[in-house]
Amino acid sequence: MLAAAPLAPVVAQTSSPTAEDKVRGAARDARKRLDFADGRFSGAAYNWLVGQGRDAAFFLLGEEHGIAENPKLAAQLFRDLVPAGYGHVAVEISPPMAREVDRVLVRGGVPALTDYFGDQGSNVAFFGMREEAEWLSAARAAVPGARQVIWGNDYEVGADRRLIHLLKPMRKPAAAEAALSQLEKASTESWAQYEATRNPRFMYSFGGDPELVRAVRAAWPGIGPEADWILSTLEETFEVNRLWVSRQGWASNARRAANMRRNFLRHWQPCAASPKPPKVLLKYGSNHMIRGLNETSTFDLGSLVPELAEARGARSFHLLVLPGNESRAAVFDPTRFRYAPNAPKDSYQKGLEWMIGEARPDAFTLFDTHALRPLVYSNSSKVDPELLRVVFGYDAVLVMSGSTPSSNLL
């Protein structure tokens, strides 16, 4: 009889952690809980954000538009950072309309802004949401005085009629008056078609003729800086959107980004001459705030501003704010000129599932991306390109689980 062979020891078969396992684990270790109760943010994560802001010359807040809680965070952060030298906020509207909004808020806060927006020809993007209007009012009130606090750097989607109205009382040659009348006539007729059809293609910002604007400037020698900036805003708006409507998406985005960089520099350069310039908090859609090449393959404010900081031996801090999984956001309906709850329009969460999958389902979660960078870099061929872009383009990502959509101001 053959003797039984001795039993070999059983060795447990363990698989090596995948790139996803590693990133998820690192994200879990890098997360911080952001407390929000009774309208106030608090806790270690909030204190960390304030500390980062104090150490930076610029705080760039990139977002998915339409989250009600995010402008509340921006308002509290700016108030708490004013003692650290913050003196301006920059937002996603045009320079001349930002000046208008600043003046209106000084005059009477949110009630005055509500009355102002009652004239649809004065409406600007995003601040027809109540929470956005409230944050801008809070920011303006945090820096008292006559100096303009709110900077705009973008084109103008809704308020071309107001911009034309601002030009009318300015002294100008008769030829410029006639050219301006032609521009106003075209705008009025286009908006009348919009009112009759509710077709967004009749919003004049998407169908305006830049040659009509150039005719006003050509007939106006010695034009002042305020009028010049208004005309530049109208001209760039029409050029950017003409490219977009003709399906030249990259060219449209590149021109828009160049316009935003140019406008920011026009605001910043007088401040830069000071030995201690004011710090700036910027709040825009994520594509405009990310460091490096963005989703539209352009370099936007998120690339310019860090270089301005570096040139002074300072730094910028970049925060991305996203709604929670399954959360809805307020999305603009161009046929009604109002916002309605819907799936987030820009879907900035796409590609970030390995990280934001570790967000707490019952609280706001802040991820410090510095801790993820070595790991994501070493696995760059295995991670989604958007995760790679965000981890290096933002210093932190905040996921607002349970977030709610913003409401309409009017």
Protein backbone atom coordinates (compact mmCIF):
# COMPACT_ATOMS: atom_id res chain seq x y z
CA MET A 1 0.00 0.00 0.00
CA LEU A 2 1.37 3.36 -1.03
CA ALA A 3 1.89 5.90 1.65
CA ALA A 4 -0.18 9.06 1.26
CA ALA A 5 1.79 12.07 0.12
CA PRO A 6 2.07 14.74 2.75
CA LEU A 7 -0.40 17.59 2.24
CA ALA A 8 1.20 20.76 0.84
CA PRO A 9 0.47 23.92 2.82
CA VAL A 10 -2.37 25.96 1.33
CA VAL A 11 -1.20 29.43 0.23
CA ALA A 12 -3.88 32.08 -0.11
CA GLN A 13 -3.98 33.56 -3.59
CA THR A 14 -4.00 37.35 -3.31
CA SER A 15 -4.20 39.69 -6.26
CA SER A 16 -2.22 42.90 -6.47
CA PRO A 17 -4.24 46.07 -5.99
CA THR A 18 -5.32 47.65 -9.25
CA ALA A 19 -4.75 51.29 -10.19
CA GLU A 20 -8.37 51.95 -9.26
CA ASP A 21 -7.88 50.35 -5.83
CA LYS A 22 -4.82 52.52 -5.22
CA VAL A 23 -6.47 55.77 -6.28
CA ARG A 24 -9.59 55.04 -4.28
CA GLY A 25 -7.51 54.25 -1.22
CA ALA A 26 -5.47 57.42 -1.57
CA ALA A 27 -8.64 59.48 -2.08
CA ARG A 28 -10.14 57.94 1.04
CA ASP A 29 -7.04 58.87 3.03
CA ALA A 30 -6.99 62.42 1.59
CA ARG A 31 -10.63 63.29 2.28
CA LYS A 32 -11.85 65.77 4.87
CA ARG A 33 -15.41 66.35 6.06
CA LEU A 34 -16.83 69.84 5.47
CA ASP A 35 -19.59 70.60 7.96
CA PHE A 36 -22.57 72.73 6.89
CA ALA A 37 -25.39 73.55 9.29
CA ASP A 38 -27.70 76.52 9.79
CA GLY A 39 -26.24 78.20 6.74
CA ARG A 40 -22.64 78.09 8.05
CA PHE A 41 -19.61 76.06 7.03
CA SER A 42 -17.23 74.85 9.72
CA GLY A 43 -14.82 72.15 10.79
CA ALA A 44 -11.32 71.07 9.84
CA ALA A 45 -11.98 71.16 6.08
CA TYR A 46 -13.31 74.72 6.21
CA ASN A 47 -10.40 75.88 8.34
CA TRP A 48 -8.03 74.24 5.85
CA LEU A 49 -9.64 76.12 2.95
CA VAL A 50 -9.34 79.43 4.79
CA GLY A 51 -5.70 78.67 5.55
CA GLN A 52 -4.99 77.90 1.91
CA GLY A 53 -6.69 81.13 0.88
CA ARG A 54 -4.68 83.19 3.36
CA ASP A 55 -1.43 81.79 2.00
CA ALA A 56 -2.40 82.47 -1.63
CA ALA A 57 -2.61 85.67 -3.68
CA PHE A 58 -5.53 84.33 -5.72
CA PHE A 59 -8.29 81.88 -4.79
CA LEU A 60 -9.83 80.27 -7.90
CA LEU A 61 -13.14 78.51 -7.33
CA GLY A 62 -14.17 76.38 -10.33
CA GLU A 63 -17.66 74.96 -10.27
CA GLU A 64 -20.51 73.13 -11.85
CA HIS A 65 -22.98 76.01 -12.18
CA GLY A 66 -26.31 75.97 -10.37
CA ILE A 67 -25.46 74.43 -6.96
CA ALA A 68 -27.30 76.40 -4.25
CA GLU A 69 -24.76 75.70 -1.51
CA ASN A 70 -21.66 76.74 -3.47
CA PRO A 71 -22.32 80.51 -3.57
CA LYS A 72 -22.96 80.33 0.16
CA LEU A 73 -19.48 78.85 0.55
CA ALA A 74 -17.98 81.54 -1.70
CA ALA A 75 -19.64 84.30 0.33
CA GLN A 76 -18.40 82.95 3.67
CA LEU A 77 -14.90 82.31 2.35
CA PHE A 78 -14.57 85.81 0.92
CA ARG A 79 -15.78 87.45 4.13
CA ASP A 80 -13.30 85.40 6.15
CA LEU A 81 -10.46 86.16 3.72
CA VAL A 82 -10.92 89.95 3.54
CA PRO A 83 -8.75 90.39 6.69
CA ALA A 84 -6.00 88.46 4.84
CA GLY A 85 -5.96 91.06 2.06
CA TYR A 86 -8.70 89.99 -0.34
CA GLY A 87 -10.26 93.02 -2.00
CA HIS A 88 -11.89 91.86 -5.23
CA VAL A 89 -14.05 89.09 -6.64
CA ALA A 90 -13.97 88.20 -10.34
CA VAL A 91 -17.02 86.60 -11.93
CA GLU A 92 -18.28 85.22 -15.25
CA ILE A 93 -19.95 88.35 -16.66
CA SER A 94 -18.69 91.22 -18.81
CA PRO A 95 -16.55 94.07 -17.41
CA PRO A 96 -19.11 96.84 -17.98
CA MET A 97 -21.99 94.83 -16.52
CA ALA A 98 -19.87 93.92 -13.49
CA ARG A 99 -19.40 97.66 -12.91
CA GLU A 100 -23.16 98.14 -13.19
CA VAL A 101 -23.91 95.30 -10.76
CA ASP A 102 -21.33 96.66 -8.32
CA ARG A 103 -23.02 100.09 -8.34
CA VAL A 104 -26.49 98.60 -7.90
CA LEU A 105 -25.40 96.47 -4.93
CA VAL A 106 -23.79 99.47 -3.24
CA ARG A 107 -27.07 101.32 -3.67
CA GLY A 108 -29.32 98.67 -2.17
CA GLY A 109 -28.06 95.09 -2.05
CA VAL A 110 -30.15 92.18 -3.31
CA PRO A 111 -33.48 94.12 -3.37
CA ALA A 112 -31.94 96.75 -5.64
CA LEU A 113 -30.42 94.06 -7.87
CA THR A 114 -33.80 92.31 -8.09
CA ASP A 115 -35.40 95.56 -9.28
CA TYR A 116 -32.56 96.10 -11.74
CA PHE A 117 -32.97 92.63 -13.25
CA GLY A 118 -36.71 93.30 -13.54
CA ASP A 119 -35.72 94.92 -16.82
CA GLN A 120 -34.88 91.84 -18.88
CA GLY A 121 -32.52 93.90 -21.01
CA SER A 122 -30.24 94.22 -17.97
CA ASN A 123 -30.06 90.50 -17.14
CA VAL A 124 -26.64 88.87 -16.95
CA ALA A 125 -25.65 85.21 -16.85
CA PHE A 126 -25.89 83.28 -13.55
CA PHE A 127 -26.90 86.13 -11.24
CA GLY A 128 -30.56 85.58 -12.02
CA MET A 129 -30.16 82.76 -9.48
CA ARG A 130 -31.03 83.97 -5.99
CA GLU A 131 -28.11 82.34 -4.19
CA GLU A 132 -25.65 83.75 -6.72
CA ALA A 133 -27.07 87.26 -6.29
CA GLU A 134 -26.84 86.87 -2.51
CA TRP A 135 -23.19 85.83 -2.63
CA LEU A 136 -22.28 88.77 -4.83
CA SER A 137 -24.11 91.14 -2.50
CA ALA A 138 -22.31 89.66 0.51
CA ALA A 139 -18.94 90.00 -1.24
CA ARG A 140 -19.61 93.64 -2.12
CA ALA A 141 -20.68 94.42 1.45
CA ALA A 142 -17.51 92.79 2.83
CA VAL A 143 -15.34 95.50 1.23
CA PRO A 144 -16.93 98.87 2.01
CA GLY A 145 -16.05 102.00 0.08
CA ALA A 146 -16.50 103.52 -3.35
CA ARG A 147 -13.82 101.48 -5.12
CA GLN A 148 -15.22 98.85 -7.49
CA VAL A 149 -14.97 95.39 -5.90
CA ILE A 150 -16.61 93.16 -8.53
CA TRP A 151 -14.62 92.46 -11.68
CA GLY A 152 -16.14 90.95 -14.81
CA ASN A 153 -13.95 89.40 -17.50
CA ASP A 154 -16.28 87.58 -19.89
CA TYR A 155 -18.43 88.39 -22.90
CA GLU A 156 -22.06 89.49 -22.44
CA VAL A 157 -24.84 87.00 -23.12
CA GLY A 158 -28.00 88.84 -22.06
CA ALA A 159 -27.41 92.55 -21.51
CA ASP A 160 -26.46 93.99 -24.89
CA ARG A 161 -29.50 96.29 -24.66
CA ARG A 162 -28.24 97.73 -21.39
CA LEU A 163 -24.75 98.23 -22.80
CA ILE A 164 -26.14 100.12 -25.79
CA HIS A 165 -28.27 102.20 -23.41
CA LEU A 166 -25.14 103.13 -21.43
CA LEU A 167 -23.51 104.44 -24.61
CA LYS A 168 -26.40 106.69 -25.63
CA PRO A 169 -25.91 109.64 -23.21
CA MET A 170 -22.13 109.79 -23.76
CA ARG A 171 -20.94 112.72 -25.87
CA LYS A 172 -20.05 111.60 -29.38
CA PRO A 173 -19.96 112.88 -32.98
CA ALA A 174 -23.17 112.83 -35.02
CA ALA A 175 -21.78 110.04 -37.19
CA ALA A 176 -21.24 107.89 -34.09
CA GLU A 177 -24.81 108.68 -32.95
CA ALA A 178 -26.11 107.47 -36.29
CA ALA A 179 -24.02 104.30 -36.19
CA LEU A 180 -25.15 103.60 -32.62
CA SER A 181 -28.79 104.01 -33.71
CA GLN A 182 -28.24 101.31 -36.34
CA LEU A 183 -26.77 98.99 -33.72
CA GLU A 184 -29.67 99.65 -31.34
CA LYS A 185 -32.21 99.04 -34.13
CA ALA A 186 -30.67 95.66 -34.96
CA SER A 187 -30.66 94.65 -31.28
CA THR A 188 -34.27 95.75 -30.75
CA GLU A 189 -35.51 93.87 -33.82
CA SER A 190 -33.66 90.70 -32.85
CA TRP A 191 -35.00 90.70 -29.29
CA ALA A 192 -38.52 91.34 -30.63
CA GLN A 193 -38.18 88.15 -32.67
CA TYR A 194 -36.98 86.35 -29.55
CA GLU A 195 -40.05 87.51 -27.61
CA ALA A 196 -42.33 86.38 -30.43
CA THR A 197 -40.74 82.95 -30.90
CA ARG A 198 -38.69 82.26 -27.76
CA ASN A 199 -36.04 80.90 -30.11
CA PRO A 200 -32.57 81.43 -28.55
CA ARG A 201 -31.03 82.13 -31.95
CA PHE A 202 -32.71 85.54 -31.80
CA MET A 203 -30.89 86.49 -28.60
CA TYR A 204 -28.87 89.32 -30.11
CA SER A 205 -25.63 88.24 -28.46
CA PHE A 206 -25.71 85.15 -30.72
CA GLY A 207 -26.65 86.94 -33.93
CA GLY A 208 -25.18 90.41 -33.63
CA ASP A 209 -23.04 91.84 -36.41
CA PRO A 210 -19.62 92.98 -35.14
CA GLU A 211 -19.34 95.33 -38.14
CA LEU A 212 -22.11 97.46 -36.63
CA VAL A 213 -20.00 97.84 -33.48
CA ARG A 214 -16.87 98.64 -35.44
CA ALA A 215 -18.80 101.34 -37.33
CA VAL A 216 -19.59 103.08 -34.02
CA ARG A 217 -15.95 103.03 -32.96
CA ALA A 218 -14.69 104.22 -36.36
CA ALA A 219 -17.01 107.25 -36.16
CA TRP A 220 -15.99 108.10 -32.59
CA PRO A 221 -12.44 109.51 -32.46
CA GLY A 222 -11.10 110.15 -28.98
CA ILE A 223 -13.49 107.62 -27.47
CA GLY A 224 -13.22 107.35 -23.67
CA PRO A 225 -12.12 104.18 -21.86
CA GLU A 226 -15.59 103.29 -20.53
CA ALA A 227 -17.23 103.53 -23.96
CA ASP A 228 -14.31 101.69 -25.53
CA TRP A 229 -14.67 98.78 -23.10
CA ILE A 230 -18.42 98.58 -23.78
CA LEU A 231 -17.83 98.47 -27.53
CA SER A 232 -15.05 95.90 -27.11
CA THR A 233 -17.41 93.75 -25.04
CA LEU A 234 -20.12 93.86 -27.71
CA GLU A 235 -17.66 93.20 -30.52
CA GLU A 236 -16.02 90.23 -28.80
CA THR A 237 -19.41 88.80 -27.81
CA PHE A 238 -20.60 88.83 -31.40
CA GLU A 239 -17.31 87.42 -32.73
CA VAL A 240 -17.15 84.60 -30.16
CA ASN A 241 -20.75 83.57 -30.71
CA ARG A 242 -20.56 83.88 -34.49
CA LEU A 243 -17.82 81.26 -34.39
CA TRP A 244 -19.92 79.10 -32.05
CA VAL A 245 -23.06 79.31 -34.21
CA SER A 246 -21.02 78.40 -37.30
CA ARG A 247 -19.83 75.24 -35.49
CA GLN A 248 -16.26 76.42 -34.98
CA GLY A 249 -16.27 75.35 -31.33
CA TRP A 250 -12.54 75.38 -30.63
CA ALA A 251 -12.02 78.78 -32.29
CA SER A 252 -14.95 80.20 -30.32
CA ASN A 253 -13.62 78.90 -27.00
CA ALA A 254 -10.08 80.07 -27.78
CA ARG A 255 -11.27 83.57 -28.62
CA ARG A 256 -13.43 83.71 -25.51
CA ALA A 257 -10.53 82.58 -23.31
CA ALA A 258 -8.21 85.19 -24.85
CA ASN A 259 -10.82 87.88 -24.19
CA MET A 260 -11.14 86.79 -20.56
CA ARG A 261 -7.37 86.85 -20.03
CA ARG A 262 -7.12 90.28 -21.64
CA ASN A 263 -9.94 91.69 -19.51
CA PHE A 264 -8.47 90.28 -16.31
CA LEU A 265 -5.12 91.90 -17.07
CA ARG A 266 -6.86 95.22 -17.67
CA HIS A 267 -8.31 95.00 -14.16
CA TRP A 268 -5.14 93.62 -12.58
CA GLN A 269 -2.37 95.78 -14.01
CA PRO A 270 -3.25 98.95 -12.05
CA CYS A 271 -3.33 96.83 -8.87
CA ALA A 272 -0.03 95.14 -9.69
CA ALA A 273 1.73 98.50 -9.50
CA SER A 274 1.02 98.58 -5.75
CA PRO A 275 3.69 97.16 -3.41
CA LYS A 276 0.89 95.17 -1.73
CA PRO A 277 -1.86 94.53 -4.30
CA PRO A 278 -5.26 93.25 -3.19
CA LYS A 279 -5.89 89.54 -3.36
CA VAL A 280 -8.64 88.25 -5.64
CA LEU A 281 -11.22 85.45 -5.37
CA LEU A 282 -12.40 84.20 -8.77
CA LYS A 283 -15.56 82.09 -9.23
CA TYR A 284 -16.30 80.61 -12.67
CA GLY A 285 -17.23 77.37 -14.37
CA SER A 286 -14.54 74.73 -13.97
CA ASN A 287 -13.12 75.06 -17.49
CA HIS A 288 -12.09 78.64 -16.77
CA MET A 289 -10.40 77.95 -13.42
CA ILE A 290 -8.40 74.77 -14.03
CA ARG A 291 -4.63 75.13 -14.21
CA GLY A 292 -3.25 74.07 -17.61
CA LEU A 293 -5.01 72.96 -20.77
CA ASN A 294 -8.74 72.68 -20.10
CA GLU A 295 -11.48 70.44 -21.52
CA THR A 296 -11.88 72.70 -24.56
CA SER A 297 -8.12 72.54 -25.27
CA THR A 298 -7.58 76.21 -24.42
CA PHE A 299 -5.61 78.07 -21.77
CA ASP A 300 -7.99 80.18 -19.71
CA LEU A 301 -7.80 82.31 -16.55
CA GLY A 302 -6.79 79.21 -14.62
CA SER A 303 -3.48 79.27 -16.49
CA LEU A 304 -2.91 83.04 -16.53
CA VAL A 305 -3.53 83.74 -12.85
CA PRO A 306 -0.96 81.27 -11.43
CA GLU A 307 1.69 82.88 -13.64
CA LEU A 308 0.78 86.33 -12.31
CA ALA A 309 1.17 84.97 -8.79
CA GLU A 310 4.48 83.23 -9.53
CA ALA A 311 5.89 86.44 -11.02
CA ARG A 312 5.43 88.05 -7.60
CA GLY A 313 6.78 85.11 -5.62
CA ALA A 314 3.25 84.13 -4.57
CA ARG A 315 0.87 81.32 -5.49
CA SER A 316 -2.73 80.63 -6.44
CA PHE A 317 -5.09 78.08 -4.90
CA HIS A 318 -7.57 76.22 -7.12
CA LEU A 319 -10.72 74.53 -5.74
CA LEU A 320 -13.21 72.52 -7.82
CA VAL A 321 -16.76 72.25 -6.45
CA LEU A 322 -19.07 69.49 -7.72
CA PRO A 323 -22.62 68.44 -6.86
CA GLY A 324 -23.14 65.10 -5.18
CA ASN A 325 -24.01 61.96 -7.10
CA GLU A 326 -27.62 62.10 -8.26
CA SER A 327 -27.88 65.76 -7.19
CA ARG A 328 -29.59 68.15 -9.57
CA ALA A 329 -28.45 71.67 -10.39
CA ALA A 330 -30.17 74.78 -11.73
CA VAL A 331 -29.75 74.84 -15.51
CA PHE A 332 -30.54 77.88 -17.66
CA ASP A 333 -33.48 77.54 -20.04
CA PRO A 334 -32.82 80.05 -22.84
CA THR A 335 -36.41 79.84 -24.09
CA ARG A 336 -37.73 81.20 -20.77
CA PHE A 337 -34.71 83.12 -19.46
CA ARG A 338 -35.07 81.22 -16.20
CA TYR A 339 -33.35 78.38 -14.34
CA ALA A 340 -34.87 74.97 -13.67
CA PRO A 341 -33.67 71.88 -11.74
CA ASN A 342 -32.06 69.38 -14.06
CA ALA A 343 -29.06 67.09 -14.45
CA PRO A 344 -25.86 69.17 -14.20
CA LYS A 345 -25.22 70.72 -17.62
CA ASP A 346 -21.44 70.44 -17.79
CA SER A 347 -20.98 67.00 -16.18
CA TYR A 348 -17.60 67.83 -14.69
CA GLN A 349 -17.82 64.63 -12.60
CA LYS A 350 -17.20 62.55 -15.71
CA GLY A 351 -13.93 60.65 -15.44
CA LEU A 352 -13.52 61.36 -11.73
CA GLU A 353 -15.44 58.33 -10.49
CA TRP A 354 -12.41 56.73 -8.78
CA MET A 355 -11.99 59.80 -6.60
CA ILE A 356 -15.48 61.12 -5.99
CA GLY A 357 -16.75 57.59 -5.44
CA GLU A 358 -15.06 57.92 -2.04
CA ALA A 359 -17.08 61.03 -1.09
CA ARG A 360 -19.21 60.63 2.00
CA PRO A 361 -22.85 60.12 0.96
CA ASP A 362 -24.19 62.06 3.95
CA ALA A 363 -21.82 65.05 4.06
CA PHE A 364 -19.71 67.40 1.97
CA THR A 365 -16.29 65.89 1.27
CA LEU A 366 -13.08 67.76 0.47
CA PHE A 367 -10.22 65.92 -1.28
CA ASP A 368 -6.67 67.30 -1.12
CA THR A 369 -5.34 66.44 -4.58
CA HIS A 370 -1.67 66.93 -3.63
CA ALA A 371 -1.78 63.54 -1.91
CA LEU A 372 -3.05 61.87 -5.10
CA ARG A 373 -0.58 63.36 -7.57
CA PRO A 374 2.37 60.91 -7.24
CA LEU A 375 0.02 57.94 -7.48
CA VAL A 376 -2.02 59.29 -10.40
CA TYR A 377 1.16 60.27 -12.24
CA SER A 378 2.73 56.82 -11.84
CA ASN A 379 -0.50 55.24 -13.16
CA SER A 380 -1.16 57.89 -15.82
CA SER A 381 -1.66 55.32 -18.59
CA LYS A 382 -4.37 53.59 -16.56
CA VAL A 383 -6.43 56.51 -15.24
CA ASP A 384 -9.01 58.56 -17.07
CA PRO A 385 -7.43 61.64 -18.71
CA GLU A 386 -9.98 63.85 -16.93
CA LEU A 387 -8.89 62.53 -13.54
CA LEU A 388 -5.29 63.28 -14.47
CA ARG A 389 -6.25 66.79 -15.62
CA VAL A 390 -8.23 67.59 -12.46
CA VAL A 391 -5.74 66.16 -9.95
CA PHE A 392 -2.98 68.36 -11.37
CA GLY A 393 -5.18 71.30 -12.37
CA TYR A 394 -6.90 71.71 -9.00
CA ASP A 395 -5.46 71.72 -5.49
CA ALA A 396 -8.63 70.37 -3.94
CA VAL A 397 -11.98 68.94 -5.02
CA LEU A 398 -15.14 69.45 -2.97
CA VAL A 399 -18.06 67.08 -3.53
CA MET A 400 -21.31 68.46 -2.10
CA SER A 401 -23.29 65.27 -1.49
CA GLY A 402 -26.95 66.15 -1.02
CA SER A 403 -26.54 69.53 -2.70
CA THR A 404 -29.64 71.28 -4.04
CA PRO A 405 -30.32 73.37 -7.17
CA SER A 406 -30.25 77.15 -7.00
CA SER A 407 -33.54 79.06 -7.20
CA ASN A 408 -34.64 81.96 -9.39
CA LEU A 409 -34.23 85.52 -8.16
CA LEU A 410 -37.33 86.70 -10.02
